[in-house]
């Protein structure tokens, strides 16, 4: 999937997935968690910290899982 296709897919799904209040509440938690995990990942690499690397990856995985769960809620309600 090219960048153009990815952007088109994201844009087309946006109205569907962001009308649900429950999904938006999940995103309020998941998006900052993902950003925190991404920053922690960079810091872990710079500091060569395996513990911080594990925490960073954990944050990212949980954030993506939460967003997936929220999107599945929307799919079940449509």
N, C-alpha and C. Protein backbone atom coordinates (compact mmCIF):
# COMPACT_ATOMS: atom_id res chain seq x y z
N UNK A 1 0.85 -1.18 0.00
CA UNK A 1 0.00 0.00 0.00
C UNK A 1 0.90 1.24 0.00
N UNK A 2 0.69 2.09 -0.97
CA UNK A 2 1.48 3.31 -1.07
C UNK A 2 0.97 4.38 -0.12
N UNK A 3 1.76 5.43 0.02
CA UNK A 3 1.40 6.54 0.92
C UNK A 3 0.07 7.17 0.50
N UNK A 4 -0.13 7.34 -0.79
CA UNK A 4 -1.38 7.92 -1.27
C UNK A 4 -2.58 7.06 -0.92
N UNK A 5 -2.43 5.75 -1.09
CA UNK A 5 -3.52 4.83 -0.76
C UNK A 5 -3.80 4.83 0.74
N UNK A 6 -2.74 4.88 1.55
CA UNK A 6 -2.90 4.91 3.00
C UNK A 6 -3.64 6.17 3.43
N UNK A 7 -3.25 7.31 2.88
CA UNK A 7 -3.92 8.56 3.23
C UNK A 7 -5.38 8.56 2.79
N UNK A 8 -5.66 8.03 1.61
CA UNK A 8 -7.04 7.96 1.13
C UNK A 8 -7.87 7.04 2.04
N UNK A 9 -7.31 5.90 2.43
CA UNK A 9 -7.99 4.96 3.33
C UNK A 9 -8.28 5.62 4.67
N UNK A 10 -7.31 6.34 5.22
CA UNK A 10 -7.50 7.04 6.48
C UNK A 10 -8.59 8.09 6.37
N UNK A 11 -8.54 8.87 5.31
CA UNK A 11 -9.50 9.95 5.13
C UNK A 11 -10.92 9.42 4.93
N UNK A 12 -11.08 8.33 4.17
CA UNK A 12 -12.40 7.76 3.91
C UNK A 12 -13.01 7.16 5.17
N UNK A 13 -12.20 6.61 6.06
CA UNK A 13 -12.73 6.00 7.28
C UNK A 13 -12.95 6.98 8.42
N UNK A 14 -12.41 8.18 8.30
CA UNK A 14 -12.46 9.15 9.40
C UNK A 14 -13.89 9.45 9.86
N UNK A 15 -14.82 9.80 8.97
CA UNK A 15 -16.17 10.13 9.44
C UNK A 15 -16.85 8.95 10.15
N UNK A 16 -16.64 7.75 9.65
CA UNK A 16 -17.28 6.57 10.24
C UNK A 16 -16.78 6.32 11.65
N UNK A 17 -15.47 6.36 11.85
CA UNK A 17 -14.89 5.97 13.13
C UNK A 17 -14.88 7.08 14.17
N UNK A 18 -15.14 8.30 13.77
CA UNK A 18 -15.04 9.38 14.74
C UNK A 18 -16.39 10.02 15.05
N UNK A 19 -17.47 9.30 14.81
CA UNK A 19 -18.80 9.75 15.23
C UNK A 19 -19.20 9.11 16.55
N UNK A 20 -18.56 8.04 16.91
CA UNK A 20 -18.90 7.32 18.13
C UNK A 20 -18.25 7.98 19.35
N UNK A 21 -19.06 8.32 20.33
CA UNK A 21 -18.55 8.93 21.56
C UNK A 21 -17.60 7.99 22.30
N UNK A 22 -17.95 6.70 22.35
CA UNK A 22 -17.08 5.73 23.03
C UNK A 22 -15.72 5.65 22.34
N UNK A 23 -15.72 5.63 21.02
CA UNK A 23 -14.47 5.56 20.28
C UNK A 23 -13.64 6.83 20.51
N UNK A 24 -14.28 7.98 20.56
CA UNK A 24 -13.56 9.22 20.82
C UNK A 24 -12.95 9.22 22.21
N UNK A 25 -13.67 8.70 23.19
CA UNK A 25 -13.13 8.62 24.55
C UNK A 25 -11.92 7.69 24.61
N UNK A 26 -11.99 6.59 23.88
CA UNK A 26 -10.84 5.68 23.80
C UNK A 26 -9.66 6.41 23.17
N UNK A 27 -9.91 7.18 22.13
CA UNK A 27 -8.83 7.92 21.46
C UNK A 27 -8.21 8.98 22.38
N UNK A 28 -9.02 9.56 23.27
CA UNK A 28 -8.49 10.55 24.20
C UNK A 28 -7.39 9.94 25.06
N UNK A 29 -7.50 8.66 25.36
CA UNK A 29 -6.47 7.97 26.13
C UNK A 29 -5.38 7.40 25.22
N UNK A 30 -5.81 6.78 24.13
CA UNK A 30 -4.88 6.03 23.30
C UNK A 30 -3.88 6.91 22.54
N UNK A 31 -4.33 8.04 22.02
CA UNK A 31 -3.44 8.89 21.21
C UNK A 31 -2.29 9.46 22.06
N UNK A 32 -2.57 10.06 23.23
CA UNK A 32 -1.44 10.52 24.05
C UNK A 32 -0.53 9.37 24.50
N UNK A 33 -1.12 8.20 24.77
CA UNK A 33 -0.31 7.04 25.15
C UNK A 33 0.62 6.65 24.01
N UNK A 34 0.11 6.68 22.79
CA UNK A 34 0.94 6.36 21.63
C UNK A 34 2.07 7.38 21.47
N UNK A 35 1.74 8.65 21.62
CA UNK A 35 2.77 9.70 21.52
C UNK A 35 3.82 9.55 22.61
N UNK A 36 3.38 9.28 23.83
CA UNK A 36 4.31 9.05 24.93
C UNK A 36 5.23 7.87 24.63
N UNK A 37 4.65 6.80 24.12
CA UNK A 37 5.44 5.62 23.77
C UNK A 37 6.45 5.92 22.67
N UNK A 38 6.06 6.72 21.70
CA UNK A 38 6.97 7.06 20.61
C UNK A 38 8.15 7.89 21.11
N UNK A 39 7.86 8.88 21.95
CA UNK A 39 8.94 9.70 22.52
C UNK A 39 9.84 8.83 23.41
N UNK A 40 9.24 7.97 24.21
CA UNK A 40 10.02 7.08 25.08
C UNK A 40 10.89 6.14 24.25
N UNK A 41 10.38 5.72 23.10
CA UNK A 41 11.16 4.86 22.22
C UNK A 41 12.43 5.55 21.74
N UNK A 42 12.30 6.80 21.35
CA UNK A 42 13.47 7.57 20.90
C UNK A 42 14.46 7.75 22.05
N UNK A 43 13.94 8.11 23.23
CA UNK A 43 14.81 8.29 24.39
C UNK A 43 15.49 6.97 24.76
N UNK A 44 14.78 5.87 24.69
CA UNK A 44 15.35 4.56 25.01
C UNK A 44 16.50 4.22 24.08
N UNK A 45 16.34 4.53 22.80
CA UNK A 45 17.41 4.25 21.84
C UNK A 45 18.62 5.14 22.12
N UNK A 46 18.38 6.42 22.39
CA UNK A 46 19.48 7.35 22.66
C UNK A 46 20.23 6.95 23.92
N UNK A 47 19.49 6.54 24.94
CA UNK A 47 20.11 6.16 26.23
C UNK A 47 20.51 4.69 26.29
N UNK A 48 20.16 3.93 25.27
CA UNK A 48 20.42 2.49 25.24
C UNK A 48 19.82 1.79 26.46
N UNK A 49 18.57 2.12 26.76
CA UNK A 49 17.89 1.57 27.92
C UNK A 49 16.88 0.51 27.49
N UNK A 50 17.16 -0.73 27.87
CA UNK A 50 16.25 -1.82 27.53
C UNK A 50 14.94 -1.73 28.30
N UNK A 51 15.01 -1.27 29.54
CA UNK A 51 13.79 -1.14 30.34
C UNK A 51 12.86 -0.10 29.72
N UNK A 52 13.41 1.06 29.39
CA UNK A 52 12.59 2.10 28.77
C UNK A 52 12.10 1.67 27.39
N UNK A 53 12.91 0.90 26.68
CA UNK A 53 12.49 0.38 25.38
C UNK A 53 11.27 -0.53 25.54
N UNK A 54 11.30 -1.39 26.55
CA UNK A 54 10.17 -2.28 26.80
C UNK A 54 8.91 -1.50 27.17
N UNK A 55 9.07 -0.47 28.01
CA UNK A 55 7.93 0.37 28.39
C UNK A 55 7.37 1.09 27.16
N UNK A 56 8.26 1.63 26.33
CA UNK A 56 7.84 2.34 25.13
C UNK A 56 7.05 1.44 24.20
N UNK A 57 7.58 0.27 23.95
CA UNK A 57 6.88 -0.68 23.07
C UNK A 57 5.55 -1.10 23.67
N UNK A 58 5.52 -1.28 24.98
CA UNK A 58 4.26 -1.61 25.66
C UNK A 58 3.22 -0.52 25.48
N UNK A 59 3.63 0.74 25.64
CA UNK A 59 2.70 1.86 25.46
C UNK A 59 2.15 1.89 24.04
N UNK A 60 3.02 1.69 23.07
CA UNK A 60 2.60 1.73 21.67
C UNK A 60 1.63 0.59 21.37
N UNK A 61 1.95 -0.60 21.83
CA UNK A 61 1.09 -1.76 21.58
C UNK A 61 -0.28 -1.58 22.22
N UNK A 62 -0.30 -1.12 23.48
CA UNK A 62 -1.58 -0.91 24.17
C UNK A 62 -2.40 0.17 23.45
N UNK A 63 -1.75 1.24 23.03
CA UNK A 63 -2.46 2.32 22.34
C UNK A 63 -3.08 1.84 21.03
N UNK A 64 -2.33 1.08 20.26
CA UNK A 64 -2.85 0.57 18.99
C UNK A 64 -4.00 -0.42 19.25
N UNK A 65 -3.85 -1.26 20.28
CA UNK A 65 -4.90 -2.22 20.62
C UNK A 65 -6.18 -1.50 21.05
N UNK A 66 -6.03 -0.44 21.85
CA UNK A 66 -7.19 0.34 22.27
C UNK A 66 -7.90 0.97 21.09
N UNK A 67 -7.14 1.53 20.17
CA UNK A 67 -7.76 2.15 19.00
C UNK A 67 -8.45 1.10 18.13
N UNK A 68 -7.84 -0.05 18.01
CA UNK A 68 -8.49 -1.14 17.26
C UNK A 68 -9.79 -1.57 17.90
N UNK A 69 -9.79 -1.62 19.23
CA UNK A 69 -11.00 -1.99 19.97
C UNK A 69 -12.11 -0.94 19.73
N UNK A 70 -11.72 0.31 19.77
CA UNK A 70 -12.68 1.39 19.52
C UNK A 70 -13.26 1.32 18.12
N UNK A 71 -12.43 1.00 17.15
CA UNK A 71 -12.92 0.91 15.77
C UNK A 71 -13.82 -0.30 15.59
N UNK A 72 -13.53 -1.38 16.32
CA UNK A 72 -14.41 -2.55 16.25
C UNK A 72 -15.78 -2.23 16.87
N UNK A 73 -15.80 -1.40 17.92
CA UNK A 73 -17.07 -0.98 18.50
C UNK A 73 -17.94 -0.29 17.45
N UNK A 74 -17.31 0.56 16.67
CA UNK A 74 -18.03 1.28 15.63
C UNK A 74 -18.54 0.30 14.58
N UNK A 75 -17.70 -0.67 14.17
CA UNK A 75 -18.12 -1.65 13.17
C UNK A 75 -19.29 -2.48 13.66
N UNK A 76 -19.34 -2.79 14.97
CA UNK A 76 -20.43 -3.59 15.52
C UNK A 76 -21.73 -2.80 15.57
N UNK A 77 -21.63 -1.48 15.68
CA UNK A 77 -22.81 -0.64 15.80
C UNK A 77 -23.37 -0.18 14.47
N UNK A 78 -22.69 -0.50 13.37
CA UNK A 78 -23.17 -0.03 12.07
C UNK A 78 -23.86 -1.12 11.31
